[in-house]
Amino acid sequence: MTLEQGLAEFLTHLGLEKNASDKTVKSYREDLTQALAFARDRVGKGNVAPADWTTRLLRAFLAWLHEQGYAKATVARRLAAVRSFGKFLCREGVLTKNPATDLRGPRQDKSLPHFLTRADVQKLLAAPPSGDWNGRRDRAILETLYSAGVRVSELVGLDLGDADLTDGVVTVRGKGKKERLALLGPAAVAAVTTWLPDRAKVLARTGKESPAVFLNRDGGRLTTRSVGRLLAKHLRRAGLDPRTTPHTLRHSFATHMLDAGADLRGVQELLGHKSLHTTQVYTHVSTRRLHDSYKTAHPRS
């Protein structure tokens, strides 16, 4: 088996056995295609044999990425892809040892997630006009993103059957298509309930059928890009930071929950994080804010 054939089988494995999203499979394909192209250039052959896939070659690949000016996060992602590929090849008996196991990635610059203050969130949620159908839809979208802390991909994937508005609970499908429950507060429930008659009118006008909670004007399911565009519009209307993304509302949800004393493991469950370490970044946000407040307010700080 050539490594090119192994890559094809690995991508199939990700999609069918690991339930990876199309976006994740695409990312692995791009990362590993680049690594194989580098390897072909180094070994001077049309295809890369398992014997060519060595620690020395992969170390040279990482060095080349640095020389090309790739960001540390990108280099780390390429290394993670190469490691996963090597693990798969070992499992399939193509390799006896994963050559990427002992490779070290670049030290990552620690950056805290951008989030909105409670006051800014209120400005944003009040921005969509209530006098037209798409304003009511947008309000329901923004309320859901902030109330439930869901990813934008999870939001656009919501179907009517996933939502129990009586109890304020929605079933979302996260990374790896894993299901979890997310909670909607009274404001979000009210906003979604207000949007549903408009949703029915959109379907009646277009003559379409769709299980999706959030629709575009043509009766189709909204895309993540569409949500990003509508958010940008309401940010301008509210006079808020244009760098804000749908994911910022997820960051804001987690930060505000922990600021108010929520249990870290509970927030982990609501966010759908596999590791508690991922959730802990929001405690750093809260600690930094506490430190800033101390420096501002304490007379001897």
C-alpha atoms as a PDB file:
ATOM      1  CA  MET A   1       0.000   0.000   0.000  1.00  0.00           C
ATOM      2  CA  THR A   2       1.242   3.475  -0.857  1.00  0.00           C
ATOM      3  CA  LEU A   3       0.661   6.309   1.613  1.00  0.00           C
ATOM      4  CA  GLU A   4      -1.706   7.910  -0.901  1.00  0.00           C
ATOM      5  CA  GLN A   5      -3.875   4.785  -0.750  1.00  0.00           C
ATOM      6  CA  GLY A   6      -3.580   4.807   3.004  1.00  0.00           C
ATOM      7  CA  LEU A   7      -4.821   8.409   3.095  1.00  0.00           C
ATOM      8  CA  ALA A   8      -7.929   7.485   1.115  1.00  0.00           C
ATOM      9  CA  GLU A   9      -8.710   4.681   3.571  1.00  0.00           C
ATOM     10  CA  PHE A  10      -7.984   6.935   6.550  1.00  0.00           C
ATOM     11  CA  LEU A  11     -10.442   9.591   5.346  1.00  0.00           C
ATOM     12  CA  THR A  12     -13.102   6.920   4.841  1.00  0.00           C
ATOM     13  CA  HIS A  13     -12.373   5.669   8.370  1.00  0.00           C
ATOM     14  CA  LEU A  14     -12.860   9.186   9.779  1.00  0.00           C
ATOM     15  CA  GLY A  15     -16.207   9.650   8.103  1.00  0.00           C
ATOM     16  CA  LEU A  16     -17.731   6.205   8.620  1.00  0.00           C
ATOM     17  CA  GLU A  17     -16.205   4.900  11.846  1.00  0.00           C
ATOM     18  CA  LYS A  18     -15.390   8.099  13.723  1.00  0.00           C
ATOM     19  CA  ASN A  19     -18.482  10.012  12.559  1.00  0.00           C
ATOM     20  CA  ALA A  20     -16.273  13.012  11.798  1.00  0.00           C
ATOM     21  CA  SER A  21     -17.979  15.985  10.186  1.00  0.00           C
ATOM     22  CA  ASP A  22     -17.410  16.860   6.531  1.00  0.00           C
ATOM     23  CA  LYS A  23     -15.449  19.899   7.692  1.00  0.00           C
ATOM     24  CA  THR A  24     -13.143  17.752   9.836  1.00  0.00           C
ATOM     25  CA  VAL A  25     -12.543  15.260   7.024  1.00  0.00           C
ATOM     26  CA  LYS A  26     -11.772  18.131   4.654  1.00  0.00           C
ATOM     27  CA  SER A  27      -9.281  19.574   7.139  1.00  0.00           C
ATOM     28  CA  TYR A  28      -7.460  16.239   7.503  1.00  0.00           C
ATOM     29  CA  ARG A  29      -7.421  15.795   3.728  1.00  0.00           C
ATOM     30  CA  GLU A  30      -5.812  19.201   3.173  1.00  0.00           C
ATOM     31  CA  ASP A  31      -3.255  18.768   5.970  1.00  0.00           C
ATOM     32  CA  LEU A  32      -2.162  15.286   4.942  1.00  0.00           C
ATOM     33  CA  THR A  33      -2.204  16.010   1.216  1.00  0.00           C
ATOM     34  CA  GLN A  34       0.317  18.769   1.886  1.00  0.00           C
ATOM     35  CA  ALA A  35       2.459  16.429   3.997  1.00  0.00           C
ATOM     36  CA  LEU A  36       2.443  13.771   1.272  1.00  0.00           C
ATOM     37  CA  ALA A  37       3.320  16.340  -1.395  1.00  0.00           C
ATOM     38  CA  PHE A  38       6.299  17.398   0.706  1.00  0.00           C
ATOM     39  CA  ALA A  39       7.306  13.755   1.147  1.00  0.00           C
ATOM     40  CA  ARG A  40       7.087  13.039  -2.597  1.00  0.00           C
ATOM     41  CA  ASP A  41       9.317  16.013  -3.291  1.00  0.00           C
ATOM     42  CA  ARG A  42      11.866  14.839  -0.715  1.00  0.00           C
ATOM     43  CA  VAL A  43      12.030  11.183  -1.769  1.00  0.00           C
ATOM     44  CA  GLY A  44      11.776  11.989  -5.474  1.00  0.00           C
ATOM     45  CA  LYS A  45       9.085   9.433  -6.248  1.00  0.00           C
ATOM     46  CA  GLY A  46       5.575   9.560  -7.629  1.00  0.00           C
ATOM     47  CA  ASN A  47       4.170   7.804  -4.577  1.00  0.00           C
ATOM     48  CA  VAL A  48       5.252   7.625  -0.955  1.00  0.00           C
ATOM     49  CA  ALA A  49       5.987   4.152   0.400  1.00  0.00           C
ATOM     50  CA  PRO A  50       5.525   3.288   4.095  1.00  0.00           C
ATOM     51  CA  ALA A  51       9.313   3.007   4.439  1.00  0.00           C
ATOM     52  CA  ASP A  52       9.649   6.646   3.364  1.00  0.00           C
ATOM     53  CA  TRP A  53       7.330   7.891   6.134  1.00  0.00           C
ATOM     54  CA  THR A  54       9.989   8.401   8.797  1.00  0.00           C
ATOM     55  CA  THR A  55      10.467  10.598  11.838  1.00  0.00           C
ATOM     56  CA  ARG A  56      13.301  12.364  10.034  1.00  0.00           C
ATOM     57  CA  LEU A  57      11.076  13.200   7.062  1.00  0.00           C
ATOM     58  CA  LEU A  58       8.234  14.441   9.271  1.00  0.00           C
ATOM     59  CA  ARG A  59      10.619  16.563  11.331  1.00  0.00           C
ATOM     60  CA  ALA A  60      11.808  18.131   8.068  1.00  0.00           C
ATOM     61  CA  PHE A  61       8.178  18.747   7.106  1.00  0.00           C
ATOM     62  CA  LEU A  62       7.528  20.650  10.355  1.00  0.00           C
ATOM     63  CA  ALA A  63      10.716  22.668   9.853  1.00  0.00           C
ATOM     64  CA  TRP A  64       9.588  23.530   6.324  1.00  0.00           C
ATOM     65  CA  LEU A  65       6.214  24.721   7.635  1.00  0.00           C
ATOM     66  CA  HIS A  66       8.020  27.060  10.036  1.00  0.00           C
ATOM     67  CA  GLU A  67      10.230  28.341   7.213  1.00  0.00           C
ATOM     68  CA  GLN A  68       7.157  29.064   5.096  1.00  0.00           C
ATOM     69  CA  GLY A  69       5.782  31.277   7.857  1.00  0.00           C
ATOM     70  CA  TYR A  70       2.827  29.137   8.900  1.00  0.00           C
ATOM     71  CA  ALA A  71       1.210  30.100  12.202  1.00  0.00           C
ATOM     72  CA  LYS A  72       2.005  27.986  15.262  1.00  0.00           C
ATOM     73  CA  ALA A  73      -1.606  26.836  15.463  1.00  0.00           C
ATOM     74  CA  THR A  74      -1.468  25.633  11.842  1.00  0.00           C
ATOM     75  CA  VAL A  75       1.788  23.736  12.406  1.00  0.00           C
ATOM     76  CA  ALA A  76       0.291  22.121  15.513  1.00  0.00           C
ATOM     77  CA  ARG A  77      -2.780  21.086  13.529  1.00  0.00           C
ATOM     78  CA  ARG A  78      -0.645  19.561  10.767  1.00  0.00           C
ATOM     79  CA  LEU A  79       1.296  17.595  13.386  1.00  0.00           C
ATOM     80  CA  ALA A  80      -1.917  16.351  14.995  1.00  0.00           C
ATOM     81  CA  ALA A  81      -3.155  15.172  11.595  1.00  0.00           C
ATOM     82  CA  VAL A  82       0.129  13.370  10.876  1.00  0.00           C
ATOM     83  CA  ARG A  83       0.003  11.691  14.301  1.00  0.00           C
ATOM     84  CA  SER A  84      -3.551  10.470  13.769  1.00  0.00           C
ATOM     85  CA  PHE A  85      -2.659   9.203  10.298  1.00  0.00           C
ATOM     86  CA  GLY A  86       0.345   7.321  11.678  1.00  0.00           C
ATOM     87  CA  LYS A  87      -1.780   5.755  14.411  1.00  0.00           C
ATOM     88  CA  PHE A  88      -4.244   4.543  11.773  1.00  0.00           C
ATOM     89  CA  LEU A  89      -1.471   3.111   9.600  1.00  0.00           C
ATOM     90  CA  CYS A  90      -0.117   1.194  12.596  1.00  0.00           C
ATOM     91  CA  ARG A  91      -3.575  -0.167  13.367  1.00  0.00           C
ATOM     92  CA  GLU A  92      -3.890  -1.353   9.761  1.00  0.00           C
ATOM     93  CA  GLY A  93      -0.466  -3.036   9.859  1.00  0.00           C
ATOM     94  CA  VAL A  94       1.031  -0.696   7.254  1.00  0.00           C
ATOM     95  CA  LEU A  95       3.540   0.669   9.779  1.00  0.00           C
ATOM     96  CA  THR A  96       5.037  -1.029  12.830  1.00  0.00           C
ATOM     97  CA  LYS A  97       5.678   2.251  14.651  1.00  0.00           C
ATOM     98  CA  ASN A  98       4.139   5.707  14.407  1.00  0.00           C
ATOM     99  CA  PRO A  99       6.999   8.012  13.309  1.00  0.00           C
ATOM    100  CA  ALA A 100       5.171  11.106  14.573  1.00  0.00           C
ATOM    101  CA  THR A 101       4.804   9.937  18.181  1.00  0.00           C
ATOM    102  CA  ASP A 102       7.948  11.626  19.516  1.00  0.00           C
ATOM    103  CA  LEU A 103       7.675  14.824  17.473  1.00  0.00           C
ATOM    104  CA  ARG A 104       6.999  17.981  19.456  1.00  0.00           C
ATOM    105  CA  GLY A 105       4.778  20.731  18.229  1.00  0.00           C
ATOM    106  CA  PRO A 106       5.409  24.449  18.649  1.00  0.00           C
ATOM    107  CA  ARG A 107       4.689  26.040  22.012  1.00  0.00           C
ATOM    108  CA  GLN A 108       1.334  27.744  21.630  1.00  0.00           C
ATOM    109  CA  ASP A 109       0.779  31.361  22.546  1.00  0.00           C
ATOM    110  CA  LYS A 110      -1.946  31.373  25.162  1.00  0.00           C
ATOM    111  CA  SER A 111      -4.777  33.667  24.158  1.00  0.00           C
ATOM    112  CA  LEU A 112      -7.983  34.111  26.086  1.00  0.00           C
ATOM    113  CA  PRO A 113     -11.249  33.924  24.156  1.00  0.00           C
ATOM    114  CA  HIS A 114     -12.960  37.145  23.123  1.00  0.00           C
ATOM    115  CA  PHE A 115     -16.341  37.627  24.798  1.00  0.00           C
ATOM    116  CA  LEU A 116     -19.011  40.275  25.211  1.00  0.00           C
ATOM    117  CA  THR A 117     -19.960  41.908  28.480  1.00  0.00           C
ATOM    118  CA  ARG A 118     -23.473  41.351  29.792  1.00  0.00           C
ATOM    119  CA  ALA A 119     -24.370  44.912  28.753  1.00  0.00           C
ATOM    120  CA  ASP A 120     -23.070  44.334  25.214  1.00  0.00           C
ATOM    121  CA  VAL A 121     -25.012  41.070  24.942  1.00  0.00           C
ATOM    122  CA  GLN A 122     -28.190  42.947  25.893  1.00  0.00           C
ATOM    123  CA  LYS A 123     -27.493  45.561  23.190  1.00  0.00           C
ATOM    124  CA  LEU A 124     -26.971  42.839  20.608  1.00  0.00           C
ATOM    125  CA  LEU A 125     -30.104  40.904  21.550  1.00  0.00           C
ATOM    126  CA  ALA A 126     -32.157  44.102  21.302  1.00  0.00           C
ATOM    127  CA  ALA A 127     -30.773  45.013  17.861  1.00  0.00           C
ATOM    128  CA  PRO A 128     -32.987  42.873  15.539  1.00  0.00           C
ATOM    129  CA  PRO A 129     -36.217  44.755  14.730  1.00  0.00           C
ATOM    130  CA  SER A 130     -39.379  43.070  15.933  1.00  0.00           C
ATOM    131  CA  GLY A 131     -41.520  44.515  13.136  1.00  0.00           C
ATOM    132  CA  ASP A 132     -40.529  42.060  10.378  1.00  0.00           C
ATOM    133  CA  TRP A 133     -40.188  38.301  10.118  1.00  0.00           C
ATOM    134  CA  ASN A 134     -36.438  38.137   9.600  1.00  0.00           C
ATOM    135  CA  GLY A 135     -35.874  40.422  12.584  1.00  0.00           C
ATOM    136  CA  ARG A 136     -37.907  38.044  14.747  1.00  0.00           C
ATOM    137  CA  ARG A 137     -35.953  35.111  13.330  1.00  0.00           C
ATOM    138  CA  ASP A 138     -32.625  36.811  13.984  1.00  0.00           C
ATOM    139  CA  ARG A 139     -33.623  37.606  17.552  1.00  0.00           C
ATOM    140  CA  ALA A 140     -34.496  33.932  18.094  1.00  0.00           C
ATOM    141  CA  ILE A 141     -31.127  32.892  16.637  1.00  0.00           C
ATOM    142  CA  LEU A 142     -29.093  35.255  18.809  1.00  0.00           C
ATOM    143  CA  GLU A 143     -31.074  34.369  21.931  1.00  0.00           C
ATOM    144  CA  THR A 144     -30.512  30.656  21.256  1.00  0.00           C
ATOM    145  CA  LEU A 145     -26.776  31.043  20.646  1.00  0.00           C
ATOM    146  CA  TYR A 146     -26.310  32.933  23.906  1.00  0.00           C
ATOM    147  CA  SER A 147     -28.852  31.088  26.059  1.00  0.00           C
ATOM    148  CA  ALA A 148     -27.740  27.567  25.109  1.00  0.00           C
ATOM    149  CA  GLY A 149     -24.063  28.219  24.346  1.00  0.00           C
ATOM    150  CA  VAL A 150     -24.306  26.098  21.211  1.00  0.00           C
ATOM    151  CA  ARG A 151     -21.929  26.155  18.257  1.00  0.00           C
ATOM    152  CA  VAL A 152     -23.283  27.838  15.135  1.00  0.00           C
ATOM    153  CA  SER A 153     -23.107  24.490  13.291  1.00  0.00           C
ATOM    154  CA  GLU A 154     -25.273  22.982  16.019  1.00  0.00           C
ATOM    155  CA  LEU A 155     -27.732  25.865  15.777  1.00  0.00           C
ATOM    156  CA  VAL A 156     -28.297  25.578  12.025  1.00  0.00           C
ATOM    157  CA  GLY A 157     -28.640  21.804  12.424  1.00  0.00           C
ATOM    158  CA  LEU A 158     -31.554  22.098  14.852  1.00  0.00           C
ATOM    159  CA  ASP A 159     -34.845  20.527  13.735  1.00  0.00           C
ATOM    160  CA  LEU A 160     -38.259  21.160  15.223  1.00  0.00           C
ATOM    161  CA  GLY A 161     -38.261  17.668  16.699  1.00  0.00           C
ATOM    162  CA  ASP A 162     -35.104  18.539  18.636  1.00  0.00           C
ATOM    163  CA  ALA A 163     -36.770  21.337  20.592  1.00  0.00           C
ATOM    164  CA  ASP A 164     -38.955  20.980  23.674  1.00  0.00           C
ATOM    165  CA  LEU A 165     -40.013  24.558  24.254  1.00  0.00           C
ATOM    166  CA  THR A 166     -42.256  23.612  27.163  1.00  0.00           C
ATOM    167  CA  ASP A 167     -39.266  22.477  29.216  1.00  0.00           C
ATOM    168  CA  GLY A 168     -36.732  24.742  27.498  1.00  0.00           C
ATOM    169  CA  VAL A 169     -34.549  21.862  26.296  1.00  0.00           C
ATOM    170  CA  VAL A 170     -33.035  21.210  22.874  1.00  0.00           C
ATOM    171  CA  THR A 171     -31.097  18.212  21.603  1.00  0.00           C
ATOM    172  CA  VAL A 172     -28.009  19.268  19.679  1.00  0.00           C
ATOM    173  CA  ARG A 173     -25.535  17.229  17.660  1.00  0.00           C
ATOM    174  CA  GLY A 174     -21.988  18.314  18.337  1.00  0.00           C
ATOM    175  CA  LYS A 175     -18.573  17.235  17.138  1.00  0.00           C
ATOM    176  CA  GLY A 176     -18.461  13.617  16.055  1.00  0.00           C
ATOM    177  CA  LYS A 177     -22.268  13.798  15.786  1.00  0.00           C
ATOM    178  CA  LYS A 178     -22.516  13.235  19.528  1.00  0.00           C
ATOM    179  CA  GLU A 179     -25.842  14.287  21.003  1.00  0.00           C
ATOM    180  CA  ARG A 180     -26.258  16.337  24.163  1.00  0.00           C
ATOM    181  CA  LEU A 181     -28.960  18.418  25.811  1.00  0.00           C
ATOM    182  CA  ALA A 182     -28.765  22.214  25.858  1.00  0.00           C
ATOM    183  CA  LEU A 183     -30.969  24.563  27.828  1.00  0.00           C
ATOM    184  CA  LEU A 184     -33.016  27.542  26.687  1.00  0.00           C
ATOM    185  CA  GLY A 185     -33.931  30.265  29.133  1.00  0.00           C
ATOM    186  CA  PRO A 186     -37.345  31.983  29.146  1.00  0.00           C
ATOM    187  CA  ALA A 187     -36.178  34.804  26.844  1.00  0.00           C
ATOM    188  CA  ALA A 188     -34.861  32.342  24.254  1.00  0.00           C
ATOM    189  CA  VAL A 189     -38.007  30.196  24.472  1.00  0.00           C
ATOM    190  CA  ALA A 190     -40.166  33.295  23.966  1.00  0.00           C
ATOM    191  CA  ALA A 191     -38.081  34.434  20.972  1.00  0.00           C
ATOM    192  CA  VAL A 192     -38.225  31.022  19.267  1.00  0.00           C
ATOM    193  CA  THR A 193     -41.961  30.719  19.993  1.00  0.00           C
ATOM    194  CA  THR A 194     -42.525  34.146  18.411  1.00  0.00           C
ATOM    195  CA  TRP A 195     -40.556  33.102  15.319  1.00  0.00           C
ATOM    196  CA  LEU A 196     -42.443  29.834  14.666  1.00  0.00           C
ATOM    197  CA  PRO A 197     -45.572  31.417  13.078  1.00  0.00           C
ATOM    198  CA  ASP A 198     -43.251  33.346  10.723  1.00  0.00           C
ATOM    199  CA  ARG A 199     -41.473  30.114   9.936  1.00  0.00           C
ATOM    200  CA  ALA A 200     -44.784  28.502   8.959  1.00  0.00           C
ATOM    201  CA  LYS A 201     -45.564  31.452   6.692  1.00  0.00           C
ATOM    202  CA  VAL A 202     -42.182  31.179   4.951  1.00  0.00           C
ATOM    203  CA  LEU A 203     -42.835  27.507   4.177  1.00  0.00           C
ATOM    204  CA  ALA A 204     -46.374  28.240   3.003  1.00  0.00           C
ATOM    205  CA  ARG A 205     -45.163  31.064   0.738  1.00  0.00           C
ATOM    206  CA  THR A 206     -42.351  28.997  -0.795  1.00  0.00           C
ATOM    207  CA  GLY A 207     -44.302  25.739  -0.972  1.00  0.00           C
ATOM    208  CA  LYS A 208     -41.457  23.871   0.670  1.00  0.00           C
ATOM    209  CA  GLU A 209     -41.148  21.478   3.581  1.00  0.00           C
ATOM    210  CA  SER A 210     -38.262  21.562   6.019  1.00  0.00           C
ATOM    211  CA  PRO A 211     -37.654  20.214   9.530  1.00  0.00           C
ATOM    212  CA  ALA A 212     -35.153  23.009  10.257  1.00  0.00           C
ATOM    213  CA  VAL A 213     -35.973  25.472  13.017  1.00  0.00           C
ATOM    214  CA  PHE A 214     -34.226  28.371  11.307  1.00  0.00           C
ATOM    215  CA  LEU A 215     -34.937  29.071   7.640  1.00  0.00           C
ATOM    216  CA  ASN A 216     -33.833  31.518   4.983  1.00  0.00           C
ATOM    217  CA  ARG A 217     -36.272  33.522   2.864  1.00  0.00           C
ATOM    218  CA  ASP A 218     -36.458  30.669   0.318  1.00  0.00           C
ATOM    219  CA  GLY A 219     -37.537  28.124   2.922  1.00  0.00           C
ATOM    220  CA  GLY A 220     -34.168  26.378   3.113  1.00  0.00           C
ATOM    221  CA  ARG A 221     -32.063  25.661   6.162  1.00  0.00           C
ATOM    222  CA  LEU A 222     -29.801  28.528   7.180  1.00  0.00           C
ATOM    223  CA  THR A 223     -26.054  28.055   6.754  1.00  0.00           C
ATOM    224  CA  THR A 224     -23.307  28.963   9.208  1.00  0.00           C
ATOM    225  CA  ARG A 225     -22.201  31.727   6.818  1.00  0.00           C
ATOM    226  CA  SER A 226     -25.693  33.190   6.783  1.00  0.00           C
ATOM    227  CA  VAL A 227     -25.692  33.347  10.581  1.00  0.00           C
ATOM    228  CA  GLY A 228     -22.304  35.083  10.483  1.00  0.00           C
ATOM    229  CA  ARG A 229     -23.636  37.690   8.045  1.00  0.00           C
ATOM    230  CA  LEU A 230     -26.771  38.418  10.036  1.00  0.00           C
ATOM    231  CA  LEU A 231     -24.714  38.734  13.214  1.00  0.00           C
ATOM    232  CA  ALA A 232     -22.390  41.236  11.513  1.00  0.00           C
ATOM    233  CA  LYS A 233     -25.428  43.303  10.495  1.00  0.00           C
ATOM    234  CA  HIS A 234     -26.763  43.486  14.030  1.00  0.00           C
ATOM    235  CA  LEU A 235     -23.324  44.225  15.477  1.00  0.00           C
ATOM    236  CA  ARG A 236     -23.157  47.307  13.266  1.00  0.00           C
ATOM    237  CA  ARG A 237     -26.651  48.278  14.317  1.00  0.00           C
ATOM    238  CA  ALA A 238     -25.748  47.942  18.007  1.00  0.00           C
ATOM    239  CA  GLY A 239     -22.354  49.638  17.615  1.00  0.00           C
ATOM    240  CA  LEU A 240     -20.440  46.614  18.945  1.00  0.00           C
ATOM    241  CA  ASP A 241     -17.022  45.128  18.178  1.00  0.00           C
ATOM    242  CA  PRO A 242     -17.108  43.863  14.553  1.00  0.00           C
ATOM    243  CA  ARG A 243     -14.629  41.088  15.436  1.00  0.00           C
ATOM    244  CA  THR A 244     -17.451  39.340  17.269  1.00  0.00           C
ATOM    245  CA  THR A 245     -18.448  35.995  15.734  1.00  0.00           C
ATOM    246  CA  PRO A 246     -21.225  33.507  16.524  1.00  0.00           C
ATOM    247  CA  HIS A 247     -18.643  31.604  18.570  1.00  0.00           C
ATOM    248  CA  THR A 248     -18.123  34.734  20.677  1.00  0.00           C
ATOM    249  CA  LEU A 249     -21.644  34.243  22.040  1.00  0.00           C
ATOM    250  CA  ARG A 250     -20.636  30.736  23.115  1.00  0.00           C
ATOM    251  CA  HIS A 251     -17.570  32.199  24.846  1.00  0.00           C
ATOM    252  CA  SER A 252     -19.773  34.830  26.476  1.00  0.00           C
ATOM    253  CA  PHE A 253     -22.230  32.173  27.672  1.00  0.00           C
ATOM    254  CA  ALA A 254     -19.466  30.179  29.391  1.00  0.00           C
ATOM    255  CA  THR A 255     -17.749  33.231  30.893  1.00  0.00           C
ATOM    256  CA  HIS A 256     -20.967  34.670  32.305  1.00  0.00           C
ATOM    257  CA  MET A 257     -22.014  31.301  33.714  1.00  0.00           C
ATOM    258  CA  LEU A 258     -18.734  30.867  35.594  1.00  0.00           C
ATOM    259  CA  ASP A 259     -18.729  34.508  36.719  1.00  0.00           C
ATOM    260  CA  ALA A 260     -22.099  33.842  38.325  1.00  0.00           C
ATOM    261  CA  GLY A 261     -20.778  30.808  40.211  1.00  0.00           C
ATOM    262  CA  ALA A 262     -21.810  27.938  37.921  1.00  0.00           C
ATOM    263  CA  ASP A 263     -20.105  24.582  38.448  1.00  0.00           C
ATOM    264  CA  LEU A 264     -17.223  24.033  36.024  1.00  0.00           C
ATOM    265  CA  ARG A 265     -18.271  20.462  35.195  1.00  0.00           C
ATOM    266  CA  GLY A 266     -21.823  21.596  34.599  1.00  0.00           C
ATOM    267  CA  VAL A 267     -20.611  24.186  32.104  1.00  0.00           C
ATOM    268  CA  GLN A 268     -18.455  21.494  30.505  1.00  0.00           C
ATOM    269  CA  GLU A 269     -21.546  19.335  29.963  1.00  0.00           C
ATOM    270  CA  LEU A 270     -23.557  22.216  28.531  1.00  0.00           C
ATOM    271  CA  LEU A 271     -20.764  23.146  26.117  1.00  0.00           C
ATOM    272  CA  GLY A 272     -20.213  19.529  25.089  1.00  0.00           C
ATOM    273  CA  HIS A 273     -16.486  19.652  25.819  1.00  0.00           C
ATOM    274  CA  LYS A 274     -14.832  16.252  25.929  1.00  0.00           C
ATOM    275  CA  SER A 275     -12.102  17.480  28.268  1.00  0.00           C
ATOM    276  CA  LEU A 276     -12.474  19.632  31.361  1.00  0.00           C
ATOM    277  CA  HIS A 277      -9.181  21.282  30.385  1.00  0.00           C
ATOM    278  CA  THR A 278     -10.921  22.887  27.392  1.00  0.00           C
ATOM    279  CA  THR A 279     -13.547  24.433  29.652  1.00  0.00           C
ATOM    280  CA  GLN A 280     -10.999  25.700  32.156  1.00  0.00           C
ATOM    281  CA  VAL A 281      -9.881  28.476  29.794  1.00  0.00           C
ATOM    282  CA  TYR A 282     -12.992  30.357  30.872  1.00  0.00           C
ATOM    283  CA  THR A 283     -11.869  30.304  34.490  1.00  0.00           C
ATOM    284  CA  HIS A 284      -8.752  32.139  33.321  1.00  0.00           C
ATOM    285  CA  VAL A 285     -10.986  34.778  31.746  1.00  0.00           C
ATOM    286  CA  SER A 286     -12.856  35.230  35.019  1.00  0.00           C
ATOM    287  CA  THR A 287      -9.609  35.329  37.020  1.00  0.00           C
ATOM    288  CA  ARG A 288      -8.147  37.970  34.726  1.00  0.00           C
ATOM    289  CA  ARG A 289     -11.229  40.127  35.080  1.00  0.00           C
ATOM    290  CA  LEU A 290     -11.103  39.755  38.858  1.00  0.00           C
ATOM    291  CA  HIS A 291      -7.445  40.775  38.835  1.00  0.00           C
ATOM    292  CA  ASP A 292      -8.196  43.822  36.658  1.00  0.00           C
ATOM    293  CA  SER A 293     -11.011  44.846  39.018  1.00  0.00           C
ATOM    294  CA  TYR A 294      -8.684  44.465  42.002  1.00  0.00           C
ATOM    295  CA  LYS A 295      -6.022  46.662  40.422  1.00  0.00           C
ATOM    296  CA  THR A 296      -8.610  49.317  39.611  1.00  0.00           C
ATOM    297  CA  ALA A 297     -10.438  49.324  42.927  1.00  0.00           C
ATOM    298  CA  HIS A 298      -7.968  48.449  45.684  1.00  0.00           C
ATOM    299  CA  PRO A 299      -6.090  51.473  47.083  1.00  0.00           C
ATOM    300  CA  ARG A 300      -2.859  49.496  47.531  1.00  0.00           C
ATOM    301  CA  SER A 301      -2.965  47.316  44.443  1.00  0.00           C
END
